[in-house]
Amino acid sequence: MKASKSSCSINCDDSNIFPKVAIVILNYNGRRCLGKLLDESIKSALNQTYPNIEVVFADNGSDDESVEYITKTYGNRVNVVILGKNYGFCLGNNLAVKHVSSNTKYLLFLNPDAVLSNDYVEKLVSLMEYNESVGIAQGMEVLQDGSRRCIGGLVSVYGQSHLVEFEASHAKPTKPKTVRVLWAVGSAMIIRKKLFDKVGGFSPEFFMYYDELDLCCRILSYGFQTVGLPGAIYTHKLGGIAHANVQASSDKINHNLLYYFNRNRWLIVIRYFPRKLLLLSFVAFLAEFMNNIYKSLACKEKSLKRYRCSLYPKIFLYLIRHIRRELYIRNSYNLQKLIVDYVIPTPLIIRLKKEDIARFMTQSGFW
């Protein structure tokens, strides 16, 4: 599916040849937190070799004049959507999707701290047009400093998400060019819009963290795969928006990030794990609770000490309050038999290394 930018005027309306791709960029104080990187991200979306693209810039209630800047700088090349307040990653993206063109076939969710290679969309769309069993895909995420090359993720038996790092030695001539994973990183992943609508989009209760894992689990229940494509590259400043806003704001935001990160893992476990792994996860929950109490007692900072003491009881109370909803979701998707293929056996006291994950990927035939 090779196309130059000059073919846009000829082929943009031919959705059979070049199906519409909407690149959704969800922003929160990106101008202040990211500076020039925000422009690099938007320009990388606009300057794709793929000809049939629209860019939607959805603002999550920024107070740094991001909207005014983007509107003035890019004009009608970018569809600016003002959401009015910070809805988080999940609901914010769901609301943004309502503003894409009606003939959109693919949605690409792009973090404002991620920069696409110019053929990124072209390669992913070619893959998904060729293989209709692929529901979600991502390219190779390369951190700005080159310290990590990630192609997706798996989970441990305790529900912890683990990234799959890709190296040249993993590519085999006899194997396909894609890598099978459980979940795609949400910083630059593409999904079929009809499938996104069918599963109801991102789960708003996640707000942020583990949201893409939850989405990928739901599409798995419909028989679609999530894959990584090493040949499509993008760079990412890890946590650019979230970390910058935390540094500029109060401890409350930092505590909220810690809360969502820990709580949402248990939502994944309850929704999708088989009973045997549920029991193991409960044991892990108790072990983490005791470890957290120990760290709380040793902590000298009073505000952090209070928060550590309340973190796991707060998570536990949330799970109890919403257990009927979670069990309904569990029964609705019935994913327990499918997800075990993507669960890495993990001893409780041992921290997984990237070599352990690579060995599991090889043994499972995922690369």
Protein backbone atom coordinates (compact mmCIF):
# COMPACT_ATOMS: atom_id res chain seq x y z
CA MET A 1 0.00 0.00 0.00
CA LYS A 2 2.60 2.49 -1.11
CA ALA A 3 1.39 6.04 -1.56
CA SER A 4 2.91 9.47 -1.64
CA LYS A 5 1.48 12.58 -0.07
CA SER A 6 0.72 13.94 -3.52
CA SER A 7 -1.82 11.16 -4.10
CA CYS A 8 -4.07 12.54 -1.36
CA SER A 9 -6.15 14.70 -3.67
CA ILE A 10 -6.71 11.76 -5.99
CA ASN A 11 -7.30 8.88 -3.62
CA CYS A 12 -8.45 10.37 -0.31
CA ASP A 13 -12.11 9.72 -1.07
CA ASP A 14 -11.53 6.17 -2.28
CA SER A 15 -12.04 4.35 1.01
CA ASN A 16 -11.70 0.96 -0.68
CA ILE A 17 -8.08 1.71 -1.59
CA PHE A 18 -7.11 3.88 1.37
CA PRO A 19 -9.58 3.44 4.26
CA LYS A 20 -9.91 6.45 6.53
CA VAL A 21 -7.63 6.64 9.57
CA ALA A 22 -8.36 9.06 12.41
CA ILE A 23 -5.34 9.87 14.59
CA VAL A 24 -6.63 10.92 18.00
CA ILE A 25 -4.27 12.96 20.18
CA LEU A 26 -5.54 13.49 23.73
CA ASN A 27 -3.89 16.46 25.39
CA TYR A 28 -3.64 17.79 28.93
CA ASN A 29 -1.38 20.82 29.36
CA GLY A 30 0.84 19.54 26.57
CA ARG A 31 2.15 22.93 25.53
CA ARG A 32 3.53 23.64 29.00
CA CYS A 33 4.68 20.09 29.79
CA LEU A 34 6.10 19.03 26.43
CA GLY A 35 7.10 22.20 24.60
CA LYS A 36 8.42 21.42 21.10
CA LEU A 37 7.71 17.72 21.53
CA LEU A 38 3.97 18.43 21.22
CA ASP A 39 4.58 20.00 17.80
CA GLU A 40 6.79 17.08 16.77
CA SER A 41 3.99 14.65 17.64
CA ILE A 42 1.33 16.56 15.70
CA LYS A 43 3.60 17.07 12.69
CA SER A 44 4.45 13.37 12.63
CA ALA A 45 0.72 12.63 12.39
CA LEU A 46 0.17 15.20 9.63
CA ASN A 47 3.20 14.18 7.56
CA GLN A 48 2.40 10.49 7.09
CA THR A 49 2.94 8.81 3.71
CA TYR A 50 -0.53 7.33 4.07
CA PRO A 51 -2.91 9.70 2.23
CA ASN A 52 -6.29 9.35 3.96
CA ILE A 53 -5.77 10.69 7.48
CA GLU A 54 -7.51 13.14 9.77
CA VAL A 55 -5.95 14.39 12.99
CA VAL A 56 -8.20 15.03 15.99
CA PHE A 57 -6.65 17.00 18.84
CA ALA A 58 -8.86 16.59 21.91
CA ASP A 59 -8.08 18.80 24.90
CA ASN A 60 -8.79 17.46 28.39
CA GLY A 61 -9.35 20.82 30.10
CA SER A 62 -5.85 22.28 29.78
CA ASP A 63 -5.06 25.63 31.42
CA ASP A 64 -1.88 26.35 29.41
CA GLU A 65 -3.49 27.74 26.23
CA SER A 66 -2.83 24.51 24.33
CA VAL A 67 -6.09 24.89 22.40
CA GLU A 68 -5.35 28.45 21.29
CA TYR A 69 -1.84 27.51 20.23
CA ILE A 70 -2.84 24.45 18.21
CA THR A 71 -5.74 26.26 16.54
CA LYS A 72 -3.52 29.17 15.53
CA THR A 73 -0.58 27.02 14.41
CA TYR A 74 -2.34 24.28 12.45
CA GLY A 75 -5.67 25.79 11.44
CA ASN A 76 -8.04 23.40 9.66
CA ARG A 77 -5.32 20.75 9.26
CA VAL A 78 -6.21 19.62 12.79
CA ASN A 79 -9.70 19.09 14.16
CA VAL A 80 -9.53 20.65 17.64
CA VAL A 81 -12.06 19.29 20.15
CA ILE A 82 -12.49 21.04 23.51
CA LEU A 83 -13.66 18.59 26.18
CA GLY A 84 -13.76 21.20 28.94
CA LYS A 85 -12.28 19.22 31.83
CA ASN A 86 -9.87 16.38 32.55
CA TYR A 87 -11.80 13.17 31.80
CA GLY A 88 -8.68 11.01 31.97
CA PHE A 89 -7.26 8.85 29.20
CA CYS A 90 -10.22 6.49 28.87
CA LEU A 91 -13.30 8.70 28.80
CA GLY A 92 -11.35 11.50 27.14
CA ASN A 93 -10.50 9.28 24.17
CA ASN A 94 -14.04 7.87 24.04
CA LEU A 95 -15.43 11.40 23.78
CA ALA A 96 -12.83 12.37 21.19
CA VAL A 97 -13.80 9.44 18.97
CA LYS A 98 -17.31 10.87 18.68
CA HIS A 99 -15.78 13.69 16.60
CA VAL A 100 -14.03 11.61 13.94
CA SER A 101 -15.41 11.35 10.41
CA SER A 102 -18.31 8.94 9.87
CA ASN A 103 -16.35 6.94 7.27
CA THR A 104 -13.41 6.26 9.61
CA LYS A 105 -12.29 2.62 9.51
CA TYR A 106 -9.29 2.79 11.84
CA LEU A 107 -8.53 4.75 15.01
CA LEU A 108 -4.95 5.45 15.98
CA PHE A 109 -4.54 6.71 19.54
CA LEU A 110 -1.38 8.81 19.74
CA ASN A 111 0.12 10.25 22.91
CA PRO A 112 1.23 13.88 22.54
CA ASP A 113 4.71 12.80 23.72
CA ALA A 114 5.05 10.18 20.95
CA VAL A 115 6.44 10.81 17.46
CA LEU A 116 5.61 8.52 14.52
CA SER A 117 7.93 7.54 11.69
CA ASN A 118 6.47 8.87 8.44
CA ASP A 119 5.37 5.42 7.20
CA TYR A 120 3.93 4.27 10.54
CA VAL A 121 0.25 4.43 9.56
CA GLU A 122 0.90 2.99 6.10
CA LYS A 123 2.56 -0.11 7.53
CA LEU A 124 -0.04 -0.75 10.22
CA VAL A 125 -3.00 -0.29 7.86
CA SER A 126 -1.37 -2.60 5.29
CA LEU A 127 -1.05 -5.24 8.02
CA MET A 128 -4.64 -4.94 9.18
CA GLU A 129 -6.07 -4.87 5.66
CA TYR A 130 -4.12 -8.05 4.89
CA ASN A 131 -4.95 -9.89 8.13
CA GLU A 132 -8.55 -9.39 9.24
CA SER A 133 -7.98 -11.39 12.44
CA VAL A 134 -5.87 -8.52 13.82
CA GLY A 135 -8.04 -6.19 15.88
CA ILE A 136 -5.36 -4.01 17.49
CA ALA A 137 -1.76 -3.38 16.49
CA GLN A 138 1.19 -1.24 17.47
CA GLY A 139 4.63 -0.58 16.02
CA MET A 140 7.92 -0.68 17.86
CA GLU A 141 8.01 1.80 20.72
CA VAL A 142 11.53 3.21 21.08
CA LEU A 143 12.24 5.42 24.08
CA GLN A 144 13.89 8.75 23.35
CA ASP A 145 17.15 7.65 24.94
CA GLY A 146 17.05 4.31 23.10
CA SER A 147 16.98 2.36 26.37
CA ARG A 148 13.95 0.26 25.44
CA ARG A 149 12.37 -1.15 22.31
CA CYS A 150 8.89 -2.40 23.18
CA ILE A 151 6.47 -4.31 20.95
CA GLY A 152 3.51 -4.86 23.32
CA GLY A 153 2.87 -6.68 26.57
CA LEU A 154 1.79 -9.74 28.56
CA VAL A 155 0.70 -10.28 32.18
CA SER A 156 2.00 -12.27 35.14
CA VAL A 157 -0.08 -14.74 37.13
CA TYR A 158 -0.69 -11.88 39.60
CA GLY A 159 -2.10 -9.52 36.98
CA GLN A 160 1.01 -7.36 36.68
CA SER A 161 1.54 -5.99 33.18
CA HIS A 162 4.91 -6.70 31.60
CA LEU A 163 6.34 -5.16 28.45
CA VAL A 164 7.80 -7.32 25.70
CA GLU A 165 11.12 -5.88 24.58
CA PHE A 166 12.17 -6.69 21.04
CA GLU A 167 15.69 -7.25 19.77
CA ALA A 168 17.01 -8.06 16.31
CA SER A 169 17.86 -11.60 17.46
CA HIS A 170 14.14 -12.30 17.94
CA ALA A 171 13.42 -11.84 14.22
CA LYS A 172 13.52 -15.13 12.33
CA PRO A 173 13.30 -15.42 8.53
CA THR A 174 10.89 -18.35 8.80
CA LYS A 175 8.54 -16.48 11.12
CA PRO A 176 5.94 -13.81 10.24
CA LYS A 177 6.92 -10.16 10.65
CA THR A 178 4.40 -9.59 13.44
CA VAL A 179 4.69 -10.44 17.14
CA ARG A 180 1.72 -11.85 19.02
CA VAL A 181 1.03 -10.13 22.36
CA LEU A 182 -1.84 -9.76 24.81
CA TRP A 183 -1.97 -5.96 24.83
CA ALA A 184 -0.65 -3.00 22.88
CA VAL A 185 0.88 0.11 24.41
CA GLY A 186 -1.67 2.91 24.25
CA SER A 187 0.82 5.57 23.15
CA ALA A 188 0.50 4.71 19.43
CA MET A 189 -1.90 1.83 18.88
CA ILE A 190 -4.38 1.32 16.07
CA ILE A 191 -7.77 -0.41 16.30
CA ARG A 192 -10.65 -1.11 13.93
CA LYS A 193 -13.30 1.51 14.69
CA LYS A 194 -16.22 -0.91 14.36
CA LEU A 195 -14.54 -3.15 16.92
CA PHE A 196 -13.84 -0.20 19.22
CA ASP A 197 -17.53 0.75 19.06
CA LYS A 198 -18.65 -2.86 19.54
CA VAL A 199 -16.78 -3.32 22.83
CA GLY A 200 -17.81 0.14 24.06
CA GLY A 201 -14.40 1.81 23.79
CA PHE A 202 -12.11 2.21 26.77
CA SER A 203 -13.60 1.42 30.19
CA PRO A 204 -14.08 4.89 31.80
CA GLU A 205 -13.71 3.54 35.34
CA PHE A 206 -10.02 2.86 34.65
CA PHE A 207 -9.35 6.58 34.09
CA MET A 208 -5.69 5.75 33.31
CA TYR A 209 -3.30 2.77 33.54
CA TYR A 210 -4.15 -0.80 32.47
CA ASP A 211 -6.82 0.69 30.21
CA GLU A 212 -5.26 -0.61 26.99
CA LEU A 213 -4.84 -4.05 28.57
CA ASP A 214 -8.54 -4.10 29.43
CA LEU A 215 -9.48 -3.05 25.89
CA CYS A 216 -7.25 -5.71 24.32
CA CYS A 217 -8.72 -8.39 26.59
CA ARG A 218 -12.22 -7.51 25.42
CA ILE A 219 -11.30 -7.65 21.75
CA LEU A 220 -9.64 -11.04 22.38
CA SER A 221 -13.01 -12.37 23.56
CA TYR A 222 -14.40 -11.54 20.09
CA GLY A 223 -11.71 -13.62 18.41
CA PHE A 224 -9.36 -10.79 17.37
CA GLN A 225 -5.62 -10.73 18.00
CA THR A 226 -3.36 -7.96 19.23
CA VAL A 227 0.02 -7.84 17.50
CA GLY A 228 3.17 -5.77 17.33
CA LEU A 229 4.86 -4.83 14.07
CA PRO A 230 8.61 -4.28 14.59
CA GLY A 231 9.00 -2.69 11.17
CA ALA A 232 6.86 0.33 12.13
CA ILE A 233 8.74 2.64 14.49
CA TYR A 234 7.77 5.46 16.84
CA THR A 235 9.65 7.25 19.61
CA HIS A 236 8.13 7.97 23.00
CA LYS A 237 9.01 10.15 25.95
CA LEU A 238 7.73 7.78 28.62
CA GLY A 239 5.14 9.40 30.89
CA GLY A 240 5.79 12.82 29.40
CA ILE A 241 2.38 14.34 30.17
CA ALA A 242 1.56 12.47 33.38
CA HIS A 243 4.97 12.90 35.00
CA ALA A 244 5.28 16.56 34.06
CA ASN A 245 1.84 17.36 35.48
CA VAL A 246 2.67 15.49 38.68
CA GLN A 247 5.88 17.51 39.12
CA ALA A 248 3.97 20.74 38.57
CA SER A 249 1.05 19.87 40.86
CA SER A 250 0.28 18.63 44.33
CA ASP A 251 1.02 15.28 45.97
CA LYS A 252 -2.67 14.45 45.52
CA ILE A 253 -2.17 13.85 41.78
CA ASN A 254 0.88 11.69 42.45
CA HIS A 255 -1.14 9.65 44.94
CA ASN A 256 -3.98 9.27 42.44
CA LEU A 257 -1.60 7.86 39.84
CA LEU A 258 -0.35 5.32 42.38
CA TYR A 259 -3.93 4.43 43.28
CA TYR A 260 -5.09 3.86 39.69
CA PHE A 261 -1.97 1.88 38.82
CA ASN A 262 -2.50 -0.55 41.70
CA ARG A 263 -6.31 -0.69 41.70
CA ASN A 264 -6.73 -1.27 37.96
CA ARG A 265 -4.53 -4.34 38.05
CA TRP A 266 -7.04 -6.00 40.35
CA LEU A 267 -9.89 -5.07 38.03
CA ILE A 268 -8.07 -6.99 35.28
CA VAL A 269 -7.63 -10.01 37.55
CA ILE A 270 -11.27 -10.14 38.65
CA ARG A 271 -12.63 -9.63 35.14
CA TYR A 272 -10.51 -12.01 33.12
CA PHE A 273 -8.44 -14.45 35.19
CA PRO A 274 -9.43 -18.11 35.80
CA ARG A 275 -10.27 -19.13 39.38
CA LYS A 276 -6.90 -20.73 40.09
CA LEU A 277 -5.08 -17.52 39.21
CA LEU A 278 -7.63 -15.50 41.18
CA LEU A 279 -6.56 -17.35 44.32
CA LEU A 280 -2.86 -16.76 43.59
CA SER A 281 -3.57 -13.08 43.01
CA PHE A 282 -5.40 -12.82 46.32
CA VAL A 283 -2.32 -14.23 48.06
CA ALA A 284 -0.21 -11.65 46.23
CA PHE A 285 -2.63 -8.91 47.31
CA LEU A 286 -2.17 -9.89 50.98
CA ALA A 287 1.61 -10.01 50.58
CA GLU A 288 1.65 -6.57 48.96
CA PHE A 289 -0.62 -5.22 51.69
CA MET A 290 1.75 -6.41 54.44
CA ASN A 291 4.77 -5.07 52.54
CA ASN A 292 3.03 -1.72 52.12
CA ILE A 293 2.31 -1.52 55.85
CA TYR A 294 5.98 -2.22 56.57
CA LYS A 295 7.09 0.54 54.17
CA SER A 296 4.53 2.88 55.70
CA LEU A 297 5.96 2.41 59.17
CA ALA A 298 9.47 3.07 57.86
CA CYS A 299 8.42 6.18 55.92
CA LYS A 300 9.43 9.49 57.51
CA GLU A 301 7.29 11.78 55.36
CA LYS A 302 3.93 12.07 57.13
CA SER A 303 1.70 12.67 54.08
CA LEU A 304 3.19 9.72 52.19
CA LYS A 305 3.02 7.57 55.31
CA ARG A 306 -0.71 8.26 55.71
CA TYR A 307 -1.34 7.59 52.06
CA ARG A 308 0.56 4.28 52.06
CA CYS A 309 -1.46 3.11 55.05
CA SER A 310 -4.74 3.92 53.31
CA LEU A 311 -3.89 2.76 49.77
CA TYR A 312 -4.77 -0.93 49.91
CA PRO A 313 -7.80 -0.57 52.21
CA LYS A 314 -9.09 2.06 49.74
CA ILE A 315 -8.58 -0.34 46.83
CA PHE A 316 -10.22 -3.20 48.70
CA LEU A 317 -13.29 -1.08 49.55
CA TYR A 318 -13.62 -0.01 45.91
CA LEU A 319 -13.54 -3.64 44.74
CA ILE A 320 -16.18 -4.62 47.31
CA ARG A 321 -18.48 -1.75 46.29
CA HIS A 322 -18.26 -2.63 42.61
CA ILE A 323 -18.00 -6.42 42.77
CA ARG A 324 -21.40 -6.97 41.12
CA ARG A 325 -20.35 -4.88 38.11
CA GLU A 326 -17.03 -6.71 37.87
CA LEU A 327 -18.63 -10.15 38.06
CA TYR A 328 -21.13 -9.12 35.38
CA ILE A 329 -18.24 -8.12 33.10
CA ARG A 330 -16.45 -11.39 33.95
CA ASN A 331 -19.46 -13.45 32.94
CA SER A 332 -20.13 -11.34 29.85
CA TYR A 333 -16.71 -11.85 28.27
CA ASN A 334 -15.85 -15.31 29.67
CA LEU A 335 -12.20 -14.85 28.78
CA GLN A 336 -10.67 -17.17 31.37
CA LYS A 337 -9.64 -19.96 28.94
CA LEU A 338 -8.21 -17.59 26.33
CA ILE A 339 -6.08 -15.38 28.55
CA VAL A 340 -3.99 -18.18 30.08
CA ASP A 341 -1.92 -18.39 26.86
CA TYR A 342 -0.60 -14.89 27.60
CA VAL A 343 0.06 -15.29 31.35
CA ILE A 344 3.72 -15.64 32.33
CA PRO A 345 4.34 -18.12 35.19
CA THR A 346 5.74 -15.97 37.98
CA PRO A 347 7.03 -17.04 41.42
CA LEU A 348 5.78 -14.62 44.07
CA ILE A 349 9.17 -13.54 45.37
CA ILE A 350 10.98 -13.29 42.00
CA ARG A 351 10.90 -10.17 39.83
CA LEU A 352 10.59 -10.94 36.13
CA LYS A 353 13.48 -9.89 33.92
CA LYS A 354 13.23 -9.14 30.20
CA GLU A 355 15.14 -12.38 29.54
CA ASP A 356 12.37 -14.33 31.33
CA ILE A 357 9.72 -12.65 29.18
CA ALA A 358 11.72 -13.30 25.99
CA ARG A 359 12.05 -16.98 26.94
CA PHE A 360 8.28 -17.23 27.47
CA MET A 361 7.63 -15.56 24.10
CA THR A 362 9.93 -18.08 22.41
CA GLN A 363 8.43 -21.10 24.16
CA SER A 364 4.90 -19.89 23.29
CA GLY A 365 5.80 -19.29 19.64
CA PHE A 366 4.75 -15.65 19.81
CA TRP A 367 7.66 -14.42 17.76
